[in-house]
Every structure is written in C-alpha cells, then in structure tokens.
Amino acid sequence: IPDGRYIMGLDIGKLHDYTVAYVVDINTGEFVDMDRFSGVDYTTLGPRIAGLYHDYGCQTIHMDASGVGEPVMDMLRQENCSVSPFKFTNESKSRIIAGMAAEIEHKRVHFLKEDTQLFKELGLYEGNVVSGGAIRYSAPSGYCDDCVIAAAVAAASALQQGEDGGRQMVRGGGPYFRVDQH
C-alpha cells in the first residue's frame, strides 16, 4: 500500500456510459490511480472497484447515490468498503464543478498525466446559464462526462477531508477548465 490517505470518487456507468473511479491522495490532491470501463455487469463491477479501494486502503468511496448507485453502494459495502453517497442536483453538481475548476486554476489538484480521456472531457465541458441564472454544467450532446464527474466528486471529497489536515478548498471558480498536464 502506498503511503498517504486516500479516497475514491466513483461515477457508475449506465447502459452506454463508462464507470470511472479515481483514487486521490487527501494530503496532496494528487490523483494516483484510476479505472475506466464499460460493458461490465454490476456483479463484476463491485469486486473490481473494491479491489482498487483496498489496494490503496481508501477511507471511503464517494459516489452518486441516485439511480443504479444505490444497489452498487450495497454491493460495495458487502465488499467491506466504506461508501458515502453524493446526491446530484443541478446545485450540487455546479458546486463541485466550479470548485474543481478553481482547484485546477490554483494548481491544487493534480491529475494523472496519461489520463487523456479526462483532459478531453475537461476541454469539452461547458456551462450554460439556465432560467433563474443558474449554470448547468454538462458535456456537449454526444460526448461523455463520466471522467469529469468522477474527478469532481473525488476532488471535492479529498479537499473537504483534507481541510482537517490543513488543506483548504478554494471556493468559487469559473465555468471553464484550463488544465496543465504535468
């Protein structure tokens, strides 16, 4: 097991989407590992994600609790994983996306260099103003946002937990991602 304190961010793929898991070092904001796959049934998904969780001794898995997330959470708990649900609303999604954008801008989160899919998704991701002035973040029609969502959940969770250890998340941020690949 590598040194550090780790959490996992997880976005469960539906029929045509990918399941994406990121492992993040809470102390540094560094993304240290990931898994991205599709076409795997949920009975295989649980042990696969649990294996990555246990490899790093993650403290918890933060994941979408709606839709297929709930039964997957139960499977992960049966695999001895601590799971924290994240309820997606337009407001909560906007908060974590804007927060991750600010962390990227301040170079306080560090993605895997070889994660070309995440960099592609970040480059395409957009925010559109909807009625009432709220911003709705999404990938353009026909494109995926699975990596962005899993990364945003992981980054927000790692940085929130890191506040106890002296790291603080920058609040706010804009709708655009400018990513330096290290």
Protein backbone atom coordinates (compact mmCIF):
# COMPACT_ATOMS: atom_id res chain seq x y z
CA ILE A 1 0.00 0.00 0.00
CA PRO A 2 1.43 3.41 -0.94
CA ASP A 3 1.95 6.00 1.81
CA GLY A 4 -0.85 8.52 2.16
CA ARG A 5 -4.50 8.96 2.97
CA TYR A 6 -6.78 8.16 0.06
CA ILE A 7 -10.39 8.49 -1.00
CA MET A 8 -12.15 7.36 -4.14
CA GLY A 9 -14.57 9.21 -6.41
CA LEU A 10 -16.86 6.96 -8.45
CA ASP A 11 -19.26 7.56 -11.31
CA ILE A 12 -21.29 4.47 -12.21
CA GLY A 13 -21.88 4.00 -15.93
CA LYS A 14 -25.29 3.24 -17.19
CA LEU A 15 -26.12 1.40 -20.42
CA HIS A 16 -23.84 3.34 -22.81
CA ASP A 17 -21.66 5.20 -20.30
CA TYR A 18 -18.39 4.32 -18.64
CA THR A 19 -17.84 3.57 -14.99
CA VAL A 20 -14.94 5.69 -13.73
CA ALA A 21 -13.14 5.51 -10.39
CA TYR A 22 -10.36 7.85 -9.24
CA VAL A 23 -8.14 7.41 -6.20
CA VAL A 24 -6.91 10.72 -4.73
CA ASP A 25 -4.32 11.43 -2.06
CA ILE A 26 -6.12 13.59 0.50
CA ASN A 27 -2.87 15.23 1.65
CA THR A 28 -1.66 16.40 -1.76
CA GLY A 29 -4.70 16.49 -4.05
CA GLU A 30 -2.82 14.16 -6.38
CA PHE A 31 -4.81 11.67 -8.45
CA VAL A 32 -2.80 8.47 -8.05
CA ASP A 33 -4.84 5.81 -9.86
CA MET A 34 -7.98 5.29 -11.90
CA ASP A 35 -10.13 2.66 -13.56
CA ARG A 36 -12.45 3.31 -16.52
CA PHE A 37 -14.52 0.59 -18.12
CA SER A 38 -17.85 -0.24 -19.72
CA GLY A 39 -19.81 -3.34 -20.59
CA VAL A 40 -19.34 -4.90 -17.16
CA ASP A 41 -22.37 -6.08 -15.23
CA TYR A 42 -22.88 -4.83 -11.71
CA THR A 43 -21.97 -8.13 -10.07
CA THR A 44 -18.47 -7.82 -11.59
CA LEU A 45 -18.25 -4.07 -11.02
CA GLY A 46 -18.46 -4.34 -7.21
CA PRO A 47 -15.42 -6.60 -6.71
CA ARG A 48 -13.41 -4.66 -9.33
CA ILE A 49 -13.98 -1.28 -7.64
CA ALA A 50 -13.49 -2.85 -4.19
CA GLY A 51 -10.12 -4.22 -5.30
CA LEU A 52 -8.88 -0.72 -6.21
CA TYR A 53 -10.32 0.64 -2.94
CA HIS A 54 -8.49 -1.99 -0.87
CA ASP A 55 -5.23 -1.68 -2.87
CA TYR A 56 -4.93 1.90 -1.58
CA GLY A 57 -6.60 1.46 1.79
CA CYS A 58 -9.08 4.19 0.82
CA GLN A 59 -11.01 5.82 3.64
CA THR A 60 -14.25 5.92 1.67
CA ILE A 61 -15.84 5.87 -1.78
CA HIS A 62 -17.82 8.99 -2.67
CA MET A 63 -20.37 8.23 -5.37
CA ASP A 64 -23.67 9.18 -6.93
CA ALA A 65 -26.42 7.70 -4.78
CA SER A 66 -29.24 8.02 -7.29
CA GLY A 67 -30.38 5.54 -9.93
CA VAL A 68 -28.15 2.49 -10.16
CA GLY A 69 -25.90 3.95 -7.46
CA GLU A 70 -27.93 2.63 -4.56
CA PRO A 71 -27.66 -1.11 -5.35
CA VAL A 72 -23.98 -0.65 -6.26
CA MET A 73 -23.41 1.02 -2.86
CA ASP A 74 -24.90 -2.06 -1.20
CA MET A 75 -22.58 -4.35 -3.20
CA LEU A 76 -19.54 -2.25 -2.28
CA ARG A 77 -20.49 -2.35 1.39
CA GLN A 78 -20.66 -6.15 1.13
CA GLU A 79 -17.07 -5.95 -0.17
CA ASN A 80 -16.09 -4.14 3.08
CA CYS A 81 -15.89 -0.68 1.53
CA SER A 82 -16.97 2.49 3.30
CA VAL A 83 -19.34 4.34 0.96
CA SER A 84 -20.54 7.95 1.18
CA PRO A 85 -23.46 8.89 -1.05
CA PHE A 86 -23.44 12.10 -3.06
CA LYS A 87 -26.84 13.40 -4.15
CA PHE A 88 -26.64 15.07 -7.56
CA THR A 89 -28.80 18.10 -8.11
CA ASN A 90 -28.05 20.95 -10.51
CA GLU A 91 -26.90 22.97 -7.49
CA SER A 92 -24.62 20.29 -6.02
CA LYS A 93 -23.17 19.48 -9.45
CA SER A 94 -22.49 23.18 -10.12
CA ARG A 95 -20.79 23.49 -6.73
CA ILE A 96 -18.36 20.60 -7.26
CA ILE A 97 -17.61 21.50 -10.89
CA ALA A 98 -16.93 25.16 -10.05
CA GLY A 99 -14.87 24.05 -7.05
CA MET A 100 -12.77 21.71 -9.18
CA ALA A 101 -12.27 24.45 -11.78
CA ALA A 102 -10.93 26.72 -9.03
CA GLU A 103 -8.65 23.97 -7.73
CA ILE A 104 -7.28 23.41 -11.23
CA GLU A 105 -6.73 27.14 -11.66
CA HIS A 106 -4.83 27.31 -8.36
CA LYS A 107 -2.87 24.13 -9.22
CA ARG A 108 -4.10 22.41 -6.06
CA VAL A 109 -5.31 19.26 -7.78
CA HIS A 110 -3.03 17.10 -9.94
CA PHE A 111 -4.41 14.65 -12.48
CA LEU A 112 -2.69 11.60 -13.93
CA LYS A 113 -0.57 12.68 -16.95
CA GLU A 114 -1.73 9.72 -19.01
CA ASP A 115 -5.45 10.34 -18.41
CA THR A 116 -6.14 11.68 -21.90
CA GLN A 117 -9.87 10.96 -21.63
CA LEU A 118 -10.24 13.27 -18.62
CA PHE A 119 -8.30 16.05 -20.39
CA LYS A 120 -10.51 15.61 -23.47
CA GLU A 121 -13.70 15.77 -21.38
CA LEU A 122 -12.48 18.81 -19.45
CA GLY A 123 -11.73 20.59 -22.71
CA LEU A 124 -15.25 19.98 -23.99
CA TYR A 125 -17.15 20.58 -20.74
CA GLU A 126 -19.40 23.62 -20.75
CA GLY A 127 -21.59 25.68 -18.51
CA ASN A 128 -24.83 27.15 -19.81
CA VAL A 129 -26.95 29.71 -18.00
CA VAL A 130 -30.49 28.43 -17.46
CA SER A 131 -33.62 30.18 -16.22
CA GLY A 132 -33.10 31.89 -12.90
CA GLY A 133 -29.42 32.50 -13.65
CA ALA A 134 -28.18 29.08 -12.53
CA ILE A 135 -25.42 27.41 -14.52
CA ARG A 136 -25.98 23.90 -15.84
CA TYR A 137 -22.73 22.05 -16.49
CA SER A 138 -22.54 19.20 -18.98
CA ALA A 139 -20.69 17.67 -21.88
CA PRO A 140 -21.91 18.66 -25.34
CA SER A 141 -24.53 16.37 -26.86
CA GLY A 142 -22.96 13.10 -27.98
CA TYR A 143 -19.95 13.35 -25.62
CA CYS A 144 -19.21 11.74 -22.24
CA ASP A 145 -18.65 13.42 -18.90
CA ASP A 146 -18.01 10.31 -16.81
CA CYS A 147 -14.38 11.20 -16.03
CA VAL A 148 -15.26 14.81 -15.19
CA ILE A 149 -18.00 13.74 -12.78
CA ALA A 150 -15.86 11.09 -11.04
CA ALA A 151 -12.93 13.53 -10.83
CA ALA A 152 -15.10 16.34 -9.44
CA VAL A 153 -16.60 14.08 -6.76
CA ALA A 154 -13.12 12.78 -5.88
CA ALA A 155 -11.52 16.23 -5.77
CA ALA A 156 -14.31 17.79 -3.72
CA SER A 157 -14.27 14.91 -1.25
CA ALA A 158 -10.48 14.80 -0.95
CA LEU A 159 -10.21 18.53 -0.46
CA GLN A 160 -13.06 18.62 2.04
CA GLN A 161 -11.45 15.84 4.09
CA GLY A 162 -8.06 17.50 3.63
CA GLU A 163 -9.36 20.63 5.38
CA ASP A 164 -8.90 18.72 8.63
CA GLY A 165 -5.22 18.33 7.75
CA GLY A 166 -4.59 21.94 6.75
CA ARG A 167 -5.59 21.88 3.07
CA GLN A 168 -8.47 24.14 2.19
CA MET A 169 -10.55 24.14 -0.94
CA VAL A 170 -10.74 27.38 -2.84
CA ARG A 171 -14.38 28.43 -3.03
CA GLY A 172 -15.98 29.66 -6.20
CA GLY A 173 -14.36 29.44 -9.61
CA GLY A 174 -15.48 29.91 -13.16
CA PRO A 175 -17.16 27.62 -15.66
CA TYR A 176 -14.03 26.99 -17.72
CA PHE A 177 -11.26 24.47 -17.24
CA ARG A 178 -7.67 25.30 -18.10
CA VAL A 179 -5.65 22.21 -17.34
CA ASP A 180 -1.86 21.99 -17.20
CA GLN A 181 -0.72 18.44 -17.90
CA HIS A 182 2.23 17.62 -15.65
